[in-house]
Amino acid sequence: RPSLHGREPVPHLRRYALEVFEALAPSLAAVKF
């Protein structure tokens, strides 16, 4: 949801998503896009 990621949503979304993947990786079966 770009509206949740500030004035430059795509760069922020990229950083946030990768941080979430890394933090949750041991707890996940998969990522669904």
PDB file of all heavy atoms in Angstrom:
ATOM      1  N   ARG A   1       0.862  -1.188   0.000  1.00  0.00           N
ATOM      2  CA  ARG A   1       0.000   0.000   0.000  1.00  0.00           C
ATOM      3  C   ARG A   1       0.898   1.238   0.000  1.00  0.00           C
ATOM      4  O   ARG A   1       1.412   1.645   1.055  1.00  0.00           O
ATOM      5  CB  ARG A   1      -0.893   0.011   1.237  1.00  0.00           C
ATOM      6  CG  ARG A   1      -1.586  -1.316   1.538  1.00  0.00           C
ATOM      7  CD  ARG A   1      -2.672  -1.657   0.561  1.00  0.00           C
ATOM      8  NE  ARG A   1      -3.249  -2.966   0.798  1.00  0.00           N
ATOM      9  CZ  ARG A   1      -4.549  -3.205   0.921  1.00  0.00           C
ATOM     10  NH1 ARG A   1      -5.418  -2.206   0.846  1.00  0.00           N
ATOM     11  NH2 ARG A   1      -5.002  -4.436   1.094  1.00  0.00           N
ATOM     12  N   PRO A   2       1.128   1.850  -1.142  1.00  0.00           N
ATOM     13  CA  PRO A   2       2.056   2.977  -1.218  1.00  0.00           C
ATOM     14  C   PRO A   2       1.726   4.108  -0.259  1.00  0.00           C
ATOM     15  O   PRO A   2       2.629   4.788   0.232  1.00  0.00           O
ATOM     16  CB  PRO A   2       1.926   3.437  -2.678  1.00  0.00           C
ATOM     17  CG  PRO A   2       1.452   2.241  -3.416  1.00  0.00           C
ATOM     18  CD  PRO A   2       0.571   1.492  -2.455  1.00  0.00           C
ATOM     19  N   SER A   3       0.443   4.306   0.031  1.00  0.00           N
ATOM     20  CA  SER A   3       0.046   5.416   0.905  1.00  0.00           C
ATOM     21  C   SER A   3       0.598   5.273   2.318  1.00  0.00           C
ATOM     22  O   SER A   3       0.627   6.254   3.072  1.00  0.00           O
ATOM     23  CB  SER A   3      -1.477   5.510   0.963  1.00  0.00           C
ATOM     24  OG  SER A   3      -2.041   4.324   1.499  1.00  0.00           O
ATOM     25  N   LEU A   4       1.062   4.089   2.676  1.00  0.00           N
ATOM     26  CA  LEU A   4       1.602   3.854   4.021  1.00  0.00           C
ATOM     27  C   LEU A   4       3.116   4.033   4.084  1.00  0.00           C
ATOM     28  O   LEU A   4       3.714   3.812   5.142  1.00  0.00           O
ATOM     29  CB  LEU A   4       1.245   2.440   4.485  1.00  0.00           C
ATOM     30  CG  LEU A   4      -0.250   2.112   4.592  1.00  0.00           C
ATOM     31  CD1 LEU A   4      -0.438   0.657   4.996  1.00  0.00           C
ATOM     32  CD2 LEU A   4      -0.937   3.040   5.586  1.00  0.00           C
ATOM     33  N   HIS A   5       3.720   4.451   2.959  1.00  0.00           N
ATOM     34  CA  HIS A   5       5.184   4.457   2.898  1.00  0.00           C
ATOM     35  C   HIS A   5       5.792   5.834   2.608  1.00  0.00           C
ATOM     36  O   HIS A   5       6.889   5.922   2.063  1.00  0.00           O
ATOM     37  CB  HIS A   5       5.658   3.434   1.857  1.00  0.00           C
ATOM     38  CG  HIS A   5       5.394   2.021   2.272  1.00  0.00           C
ATOM     39  ND1 HIS A   5       6.242   1.310   3.088  1.00  0.00           N
ATOM     40  CD2 HIS A   5       4.341   1.206   2.013  1.00  0.00           C
ATOM     41  CE1 HIS A   5       5.744   0.091   3.288  1.00  0.00           C
ATOM     42  NE2 HIS A   5       4.592   0.010   2.662  1.00  0.00           N
ATOM     43  N   GLY A   6       5.093   6.883   2.986  1.00  0.00           N
ATOM     44  CA  GLY A   6       5.690   8.206   2.945  1.00  0.00           C
ATOM     45  C   GLY A   6       5.782   8.839   1.564  1.00  0.00           C
ATOM     46  O   GLY A   6       5.110   8.428   0.613  1.00  0.00           O
ATOM     47  N   ARG A   7       6.654   9.829   1.462  1.00  0.00           N
ATOM     48  CA  ARG A   7       6.736  10.651   0.254  1.00  0.00           C
ATOM     49  C   ARG A   7       7.437   9.928  -0.885  1.00  0.00           C
ATOM     50  O   ARG A   7       7.232  10.266  -2.048  1.00  0.00           O
ATOM     51  CB  ARG A   7       7.460  11.959   0.583  1.00  0.00           C
ATOM     52  CG  ARG A   7       6.733  12.796   1.649  1.00  0.00           C
ATOM     53  CD  ARG A   7       7.510  14.015   2.066  1.00  0.00           C
ATOM     54  NE  ARG A   7       7.642  14.987   0.991  1.00  0.00           N
ATOM     55  CZ  ARG A   7       8.271  16.158   1.111  1.00  0.00           C
ATOM     56  NH1 ARG A   7       8.800  16.493   2.285  1.00  0.00           N
ATOM     57  NH2 ARG A   7       8.348  16.974   0.092  1.00  0.00           N
ATOM     58  N   GLU A   8       8.300   8.998  -0.582  1.00  0.00           N
ATOM     59  CA  GLU A   8       8.949   8.174  -1.604  1.00  0.00           C
ATOM     60  C   GLU A   8       8.586   6.719  -1.317  1.00  0.00           C
ATOM     61  O   GLU A   8       9.381   5.942  -0.771  1.00  0.00           O
ATOM     62  CB  GLU A   8      10.462   8.385  -1.584  1.00  0.00           C
ATOM     63  CG  GLU A   8      10.875   9.809  -1.933  1.00  0.00           C
ATOM     64  CD  GLU A   8      12.387   9.942  -2.035  1.00  0.00           C
ATOM     65  OE1 GLU A   8      13.102   8.943  -1.815  1.00  0.00           O
ATOM     66  OE2 GLU A   8      12.840  11.065  -2.323  1.00  0.00           O
ATOM     67  N   PRO A   9       7.388   6.309  -1.708  1.00  0.00           N
ATOM     68  CA  PRO A   9       6.866   5.026  -1.240  1.00  0.00           C
ATOM     69  C   PRO A   9       7.636   3.796  -1.735  1.00  0.00           C
ATOM     70  O   PRO A   9       7.832   2.855  -0.976  1.00  0.00           O
ATOM     71  CB  PRO A   9       5.423   5.013  -1.766  1.00  0.00           C
ATOM     72  CG  PRO A   9       5.398   6.013  -2.868  1.00  0.00           C
ATOM     73  CD  PRO A   9       6.390   7.057  -2.506  1.00  0.00           C
ATOM     74  N   VAL A  10       8.072   3.800  -2.978  1.00  0.00           N
ATOM     75  CA  VAL A  10       8.689   2.588  -3.518  1.00  0.00           C
ATOM     76  C   VAL A  10      10.026   2.272  -2.838  1.00  0.00           C
ATOM     77  O   VAL A  10      10.255   1.137  -2.403  1.00  0.00           O
ATOM     78  CB  VAL A  10       8.825   2.659  -5.047  1.00  0.00           C
ATOM     79  CG1 VAL A  10       9.658   1.490  -5.576  1.00  0.00           C
ATOM     80  CG2 VAL A  10       7.434   2.636  -5.684  1.00  0.00           C
ATOM     81  N   PRO A  11      10.955   3.234  -2.688  1.00  0.00           N
ATOM     82  CA  PRO A  11      12.197   2.921  -1.972  1.00  0.00           C
ATOM     83  C   PRO A  11      11.954   2.478  -0.528  1.00  0.00           C
ATOM     84  O   PRO A  11      12.605   1.548  -0.038  1.00  0.00           O
ATOM     85  CB  PRO A  11      12.992   4.227  -2.030  1.00  0.00           C
ATOM     86  CG  PRO A  11      12.458   4.936  -3.230  1.00  0.00           C
ATOM     87  CD  PRO A  11      11.004   4.589  -3.279  1.00  0.00           C
ATOM     88  N   HIS A  12      11.007   3.141   0.142  1.00  0.00           N
ATOM     89  CA  HIS A  12      10.708   2.757   1.520  1.00  0.00           C
ATOM     90  C   HIS A  12      10.084   1.366   1.574  1.00  0.00           C
ATOM     91  O   HIS A  12      10.427   0.544   2.438  1.00  0.00           O
ATOM     92  CB  HIS A  12       9.764   3.775   2.165  1.00  0.00           C
ATOM     93  CG  HIS A  12       9.493   3.508   3.612  1.00  0.00           C
ATOM     94  ND1 HIS A  12       8.456   2.706   4.039  1.00  0.00           N
ATOM     95  CD2 HIS A  12      10.133   3.915   4.735  1.00  0.00           C
ATOM     96  CE1 HIS A  12       8.463   2.643   5.357  1.00  0.00           C
ATOM     97  NE2 HIS A  12       9.465   3.370   5.807  1.00  0.00           N
ATOM     98  N   LEU A  13       9.175   1.094   0.651  1.00  0.00           N
ATOM     99  CA  LEU A  13       8.547  -0.219   0.585  1.00  0.00           C
ATOM    100  C   LEU A  13       9.581  -1.305   0.343  1.00  0.00           C
ATOM    101  O   LEU A  13       9.536  -2.377   0.963  1.00  0.00           O
ATOM    102  CB  LEU A  13       7.492  -0.221  -0.525  1.00  0.00           C
ATOM    103  CG  LEU A  13       6.800  -1.541  -0.834  1.00  0.00           C
ATOM    104  CD1 LEU A  13       6.134  -2.120   0.406  1.00  0.00           C
ATOM    105  CD2 LEU A  13       5.797  -1.340  -1.960  1.00  0.00           C
ATOM    106  N   ARG A  14      10.535  -1.028  -0.544  1.00  0.00           N
ATOM    107  CA  ARG A  14      11.592  -2.004  -0.835  1.00  0.00           C
ATOM    108  C   ARG A  14      12.389  -2.330   0.426  1.00  0.00           C
ATOM    109  O   ARG A  14      12.599  -3.494   0.756  1.00  0.00           O
ATOM    110  CB  ARG A  14      12.520  -1.461  -1.928  1.00  0.00           C
ATOM    111  CG  ARG A  14      13.664  -2.405  -2.294  1.00  0.00           C
ATOM    112  CD  ARG A  14      14.631  -1.754  -3.248  1.00  0.00           C
ATOM    113  NE  ARG A  14      14.002  -1.436  -4.520  1.00  0.00           N
ATOM    114  CZ  ARG A  14      13.717  -0.210  -4.940  1.00  0.00           C
ATOM    115  NH1 ARG A  14      14.026   0.855  -4.176  1.00  0.00           N
ATOM    116  NH2 ARG A  14      13.146  -0.003  -6.109  1.00  0.00           N
ATOM    117  N   ARG A  15      12.812  -1.290   1.119  1.00  0.00           N
ATOM    118  CA  ARG A  15      13.598  -1.503   2.344  1.00  0.00           C
ATOM    119  C   ARG A  15      12.792  -2.266   3.389  1.00  0.00           C
ATOM    120  O   ARG A  15      13.287  -3.211   4.012  1.00  0.00           O
ATOM    121  CB  ARG A  15      14.068  -0.159   2.909  1.00  0.00           C
ATOM    122  CG  ARG A  15      15.129   0.553   2.076  1.00  0.00           C
ATOM    123  CD  ARG A  15      15.753   1.700   2.864  1.00  0.00           C
ATOM    124  NE  ARG A  15      14.788   2.703   3.285  1.00  0.00           N
ATOM    125  CZ  ARG A  15      14.414   3.734   2.541  1.00  0.00           C
ATOM    126  NH1 ARG A  15      14.938   3.904   1.326  1.00  0.00           N
ATOM    127  NH2 ARG A  15      13.535   4.617   2.995  1.00  0.00           N
ATOM    128  N   TYR A  16      11.562  -1.820   3.587  1.00  0.00           N
ATOM    129  CA  TYR A  16      10.730  -2.451   4.617  1.00  0.00           C
ATOM    130  C   TYR A  16      10.478  -3.921   4.300  1.00  0.00           C
ATOM    131  O   TYR A  16      10.604  -4.795   5.175  1.00  0.00           O
ATOM    132  CB  TYR A  16       9.407  -1.701   4.742  1.00  0.00           C
ATOM    133  CG  TYR A  16       8.441  -2.341   5.706  1.00  0.00           C
ATOM    134  CD1 TYR A  16       8.712  -2.398   7.065  1.00  0.00           C
ATOM    135  CD2 TYR A  16       7.244  -2.906   5.255  1.00  0.00           C
ATOM    136  CE1 TYR A  16       7.835  -2.993   7.954  1.00  0.00           C
ATOM    137  CE2 TYR A  16       6.357  -3.509   6.131  1.00  0.00           C
ATOM    138  CZ  TYR A  16       6.650  -3.551   7.484  1.00  0.00           C
ATOM    139  OH  TYR A  16       5.780  -4.146   8.365  1.00  0.00           O
ATOM    140  N   ALA A  17      10.110  -4.209   3.055  1.00  0.00           N
ATOM    141  CA  ALA A  17       9.810  -5.594   2.685  1.00  0.00           C
ATOM    142  C   ALA A  17      11.018  -6.496   2.891  1.00  0.00           C
ATOM    143  O   ALA A  17      10.898  -7.595   3.464  1.00  0.00           O
ATOM    144  CB  ALA A  17       9.339  -5.658   1.239  1.00  0.00           C
ATOM    145  N   LEU A  18      12.181  -6.069   2.469  1.00  0.00           N
ATOM    146  CA  LEU A  18      13.379  -6.890   2.627  1.00  0.00           C
ATOM    147  C   LEU A  18      13.733  -7.083   4.098  1.00  0.00           C
ATOM    148  O   LEU A  18      14.186  -8.163   4.504  1.00  0.00           O
ATOM    149  CB  LEU A  18      14.545  -6.274   1.856  1.00  0.00           C
ATOM    150  CG  LEU A  18      14.402  -6.291   0.324  1.00  0.00           C
ATOM    151  CD1 LEU A  18      15.529  -5.511  -0.328  1.00  0.00           C
ATOM    152  CD2 LEU A  18      14.371  -7.723  -0.205  1.00  0.00           C
ATOM    153  N   GLU A  19      13.518  -6.054   4.899  1.00  0.00           N
ATOM    154  CA  GLU A  19      13.749  -6.190   6.344  1.00  0.00           C
ATOM    155  C   GLU A  19      12.788  -7.215   6.957  1.00  0.00           C
ATOM    156  O   GLU A  19      13.187  -8.029   7.795  1.00  0.00           O
ATOM    157  CB  GLU A  19      13.571  -4.834   7.032  1.00  0.00           C
ATOM    158  CG  GLU A  19      14.685  -3.837   6.763  1.00  0.00           C
ATOM    159  CD  GLU A  19      14.377  -2.466   7.338  1.00  0.00           C
ATOM    160  OE1 GLU A  19      13.228  -2.267   7.822  1.00  0.00           O
ATOM    161  OE2 GLU A  19      15.258  -1.585   7.297  1.00  0.00           O
ATOM    162  N   VAL A  20      11.523  -7.178   6.537  1.00  0.00           N
ATOM    163  CA  VAL A  20      10.545  -8.136   7.048  1.00  0.00           C
ATOM    164  C   VAL A  20      10.906  -9.554   6.610  1.00  0.00           C
ATOM    165  O   VAL A  20      10.856 -10.501   7.410  1.00  0.00           O
ATOM    166  CB  VAL A  20       9.123  -7.765   6.573  1.00  0.00           C
ATOM    167  CG1 VAL A  20       8.131  -8.870   6.929  1.00  0.00           C
ATOM    168  CG2 VAL A  20       8.673  -6.449   7.218  1.00  0.00           C
ATOM    169  N   PHE A  21      11.291  -9.720   5.341  1.00  0.00           N
ATOM    170  CA  PHE A  21      11.683 -11.052   4.859  1.00  0.00           C
ATOM    171  C   PHE A  21      12.817 -11.613   5.715  1.00  0.00           C
ATOM    172  O   PHE A  21      12.771 -12.762   6.146  1.00  0.00           O
ATOM    173  CB  PHE A  21      12.149 -10.991   3.406  1.00  0.00           C
ATOM    174  CG  PHE A  21      11.109 -10.580   2.409  1.00  0.00           C
ATOM    175  CD1 PHE A  21      11.469 -10.360   1.084  1.00  0.00           C
ATOM    176  CD2 PHE A  21       9.787 -10.404   2.765  1.00  0.00           C
ATOM    177  CE1 PHE A  21      10.536  -9.983   0.148  1.00  0.00           C
ATOM    178  CE2 PHE A  21       8.834 -10.012   1.832  1.00  0.00           C
ATOM    179  CZ  PHE A  21       9.219  -9.802   0.523  1.00  0.00           C
ATOM    180  N   GLU A  22      13.831 -10.787   5.932  1.00  0.00           N
ATOM    181  CA  GLU A  22      15.004 -11.253   6.667  1.00  0.00           C
ATOM    182  C   GLU A  22      14.640 -11.599   8.113  1.00  0.00           C
ATOM    183  O   GLU A  22      15.085 -12.623   8.646  1.00  0.00           O
ATOM    184  CB  GLU A  22      16.094 -10.192   6.638  1.00  0.00           C
ATOM    185  CG  GLU A  22      17.394 -10.639   7.295  1.00  0.00           C
ATOM    186  CD  GLU A  22      18.505  -9.622   7.133  1.00  0.00           C
ATOM    187  OE1 GLU A  22      18.227  -8.471   6.708  1.00  0.00           O
ATOM    188  OE2 GLU A  22      19.660  -9.978   7.437  1.00  0.00           O
ATOM    189  N   ALA A  23      13.822 -10.748   8.732  1.00  0.00           N
ATOM    190  CA  ALA A  23      13.471 -10.964  10.136  1.00  0.00           C
ATOM    191  C   ALA A  23      12.578 -12.189  10.325  1.00  0.00           C
ATOM    192  O   ALA A  23      12.702 -12.910  11.316  1.00  0.00           O
ATOM    193  CB  ALA A  23      12.780  -9.721  10.695  1.00  0.00           C
ATOM    194  N   LEU A  24      11.669 -12.432   9.366  1.00  0.00           N
ATOM    195  CA  LEU A  24      10.683 -13.502   9.527  1.00  0.00           C
ATOM    196  C   LEU A  24      11.066 -14.798   8.827  1.00  0.00           C
ATOM    197  O   LEU A  24      10.362 -15.805   8.987  1.00  0.00           O
ATOM    198  CB  LEU A  24       9.314 -13.046   9.008  1.00  0.00           C
ATOM    199  CG  LEU A  24       8.688 -11.810   9.641  1.00  0.00           C
ATOM    200  CD1 LEU A  24       7.246 -11.665   9.170  1.00  0.00           C
ATOM    201  CD2 LEU A  24       8.747 -11.862  11.154  1.00  0.00           C
ATOM    202  N   ALA A  25      12.143 -14.799   8.054  1.00  0.00           N
ATOM    203  CA  ALA A  25      12.493 -15.959   7.232  1.00  0.00           C
ATOM    204  C   ALA A  25      12.432 -17.286   7.984  1.00  0.00           C
ATOM    205  O   ALA A  25      11.868 -18.264   7.467  1.00  0.00           O
ATOM    206  CB  ALA A  25      13.870 -15.762   6.592  1.00  0.00           C
ATOM    207  N   PRO A  26      12.986 -17.383   9.214  1.00  0.00           N
ATOM    208  CA  PRO A  26      12.936 -18.680   9.905  1.00  0.00           C
ATOM    209  C   PRO A  26      11.523 -19.121  10.278  1.00  0.00           C
ATOM    210  O   PRO A  26      11.308 -20.295  10.585  1.00  0.00           O
ATOM    211  CB  PRO A  26      13.774 -18.435  11.170  1.00  0.00           C
ATOM    212  CG  PRO A  26      14.610 -17.240  10.868  1.00  0.00           C
ATOM    213  CD  PRO A  26      13.769 -16.389   9.981  1.00  0.00           C
ATOM    214  N   SER A  27      10.570 -18.189  10.245  1.00  0.00           N
ATOM    215  CA  SER A  27       9.196 -18.480  10.676  1.00  0.00           C
ATOM    216  C   SER A  27       8.249 -18.727   9.509  1.00  0.00           C
ATOM    217  O   SER A  27       7.060 -18.982   9.733  1.00  0.00           O
ATOM    218  CB  SER A  27       8.643 -17.308  11.503  1.00  0.00           C
ATOM    219  OG  SER A  27       9.467 -17.020  12.609  1.00  0.00           O
ATOM    220  N   LEU A  28       8.744 -18.667   8.278  1.00  0.00           N
ATOM    221  CA  LEU A  28       7.868 -18.683   7.107  1.00  0.00           C
ATOM    222  C   LEU A  28       8.054 -19.909   6.237  1.00  0.00           C
ATOM    223  O   LEU A  28       9.160 -20.422   6.076  1.00  0.00           O
ATOM    224  CB  LEU A  28       8.120 -17.443   6.252  1.00  0.00           C
ATOM    225  CG  LEU A  28       7.864 -16.074   6.890  1.00  0.00           C
ATOM    226  CD1 LEU A  28       8.256 -14.972   5.920  1.00  0.00           C
ATOM    227  CD2 LEU A  28       6.401 -15.936   7.318  1.00  0.00           C
ATOM    228  N   ALA A  29       6.928 -20.343   5.641  1.00  0.00           N
ATOM    229  CA  ALA A  29       6.977 -21.357   4.595  1.00  0.00           C
ATOM    230  C   ALA A  29       7.282 -20.711   3.251  1.00  0.00           C
ATOM    231  O   ALA A  29       7.992 -21.283   2.418  1.00  0.00           O
ATOM    232  CB  ALA A  29       5.638 -22.091   4.512  1.00  0.00           C
ATOM    233  N   ALA A  30       6.730 -19.508   3.023  1.00  0.00           N
ATOM    234  CA  ALA A  30       6.857 -18.857   1.715  1.00  0.00           C
ATOM    235  C   ALA A  30       6.442 -17.397   1.845  1.00  0.00           C
ATOM    236  O   ALA A  30       5.871 -16.972   2.863  1.00  0.00           O
ATOM    237  CB  ALA A  30       5.986 -19.559   0.670  1.00  0.00           C
ATOM    238  N   VAL A  31       6.734 -16.650   0.781  1.00  0.00           N
ATOM    239  CA  VAL A  31       6.248 -15.279   0.644  1.00  0.00           C
ATOM    240  C   VAL A  31       5.295 -15.254  -0.542  1.00  0.00           C
ATOM    241  O   VAL A  31       5.607 -15.775  -1.621  1.00  0.00           O
ATOM    242  CB  VAL A  31       7.396 -14.286   0.407  1.00  0.00           C
ATOM    243  CG1 VAL A  31       6.851 -12.879   0.179  1.00  0.00           C
ATOM    244  CG2 VAL A  31       8.349 -14.285   1.587  1.00  0.00           C
ATOM    245  N   LYS A  32       4.108 -14.669  -0.346  1.00  0.00           N
ATOM    246  CA  LYS A  32       3.098 -14.595  -1.406  1.00  0.00           C
ATOM    247  C   LYS A  32       2.940 -13.149  -1.855  1.00  0.00           C
ATOM    248  O   LYS A  32       2.595 -12.269  -1.062  1.00  0.00           O
ATOM    249  CB  LYS A  32       1.752 -15.132  -0.888  1.00  0.00           C
ATOM    250  CG  LYS A  32       0.637 -15.093  -1.925  1.00  0.00           C
ATOM    251  CD  LYS A  32      -0.624 -15.771  -1.410  1.00  0.00           C
ATOM    252  CE  LYS A  32      -1.351 -14.963  -0.356  1.00  0.00           C
ATOM    253  NZ  LYS A  32      -1.994 -13.726  -0.926  1.00  0.00           N
ATOM    254  N   PHE A  33       3.172 -12.908  -3.137  1.00  0.00           N
ATOM    255  CA  PHE A  33       3.057 -11.564  -3.704  1.00  0.00           C
ATOM    256  C   PHE A  33       1.718 -11.434  -4.428  1.00  0.00           C
ATOM    257  O   PHE A  33       1.448 -12.169  -5.384  1.00  0.00           O
ATOM    258  CB  PHE A  33       4.198 -11.294  -4.690  1.00  0.00           C
ATOM    259  CG  PHE A  33       5.561 -11.293  -4.054  1.00  0.00           C
ATOM    260  CD1 PHE A  33       6.375 -12.418  -4.107  1.00  0.00           C
ATOM    261  CD2 PHE A  33       6.033 -10.171  -3.392  1.00  0.00           C
ATOM    262  CE1 PHE A  33       7.624 -12.420  -3.525  1.00  0.00           C
ATOM    263  CE2 PHE A  33       7.281 -10.169  -2.801  1.00  0.00           C
ATOM    264  CZ  PHE A  33       8.077 -11.293  -2.863  1.00  0.00           C
TER     265      PHE A  33
END
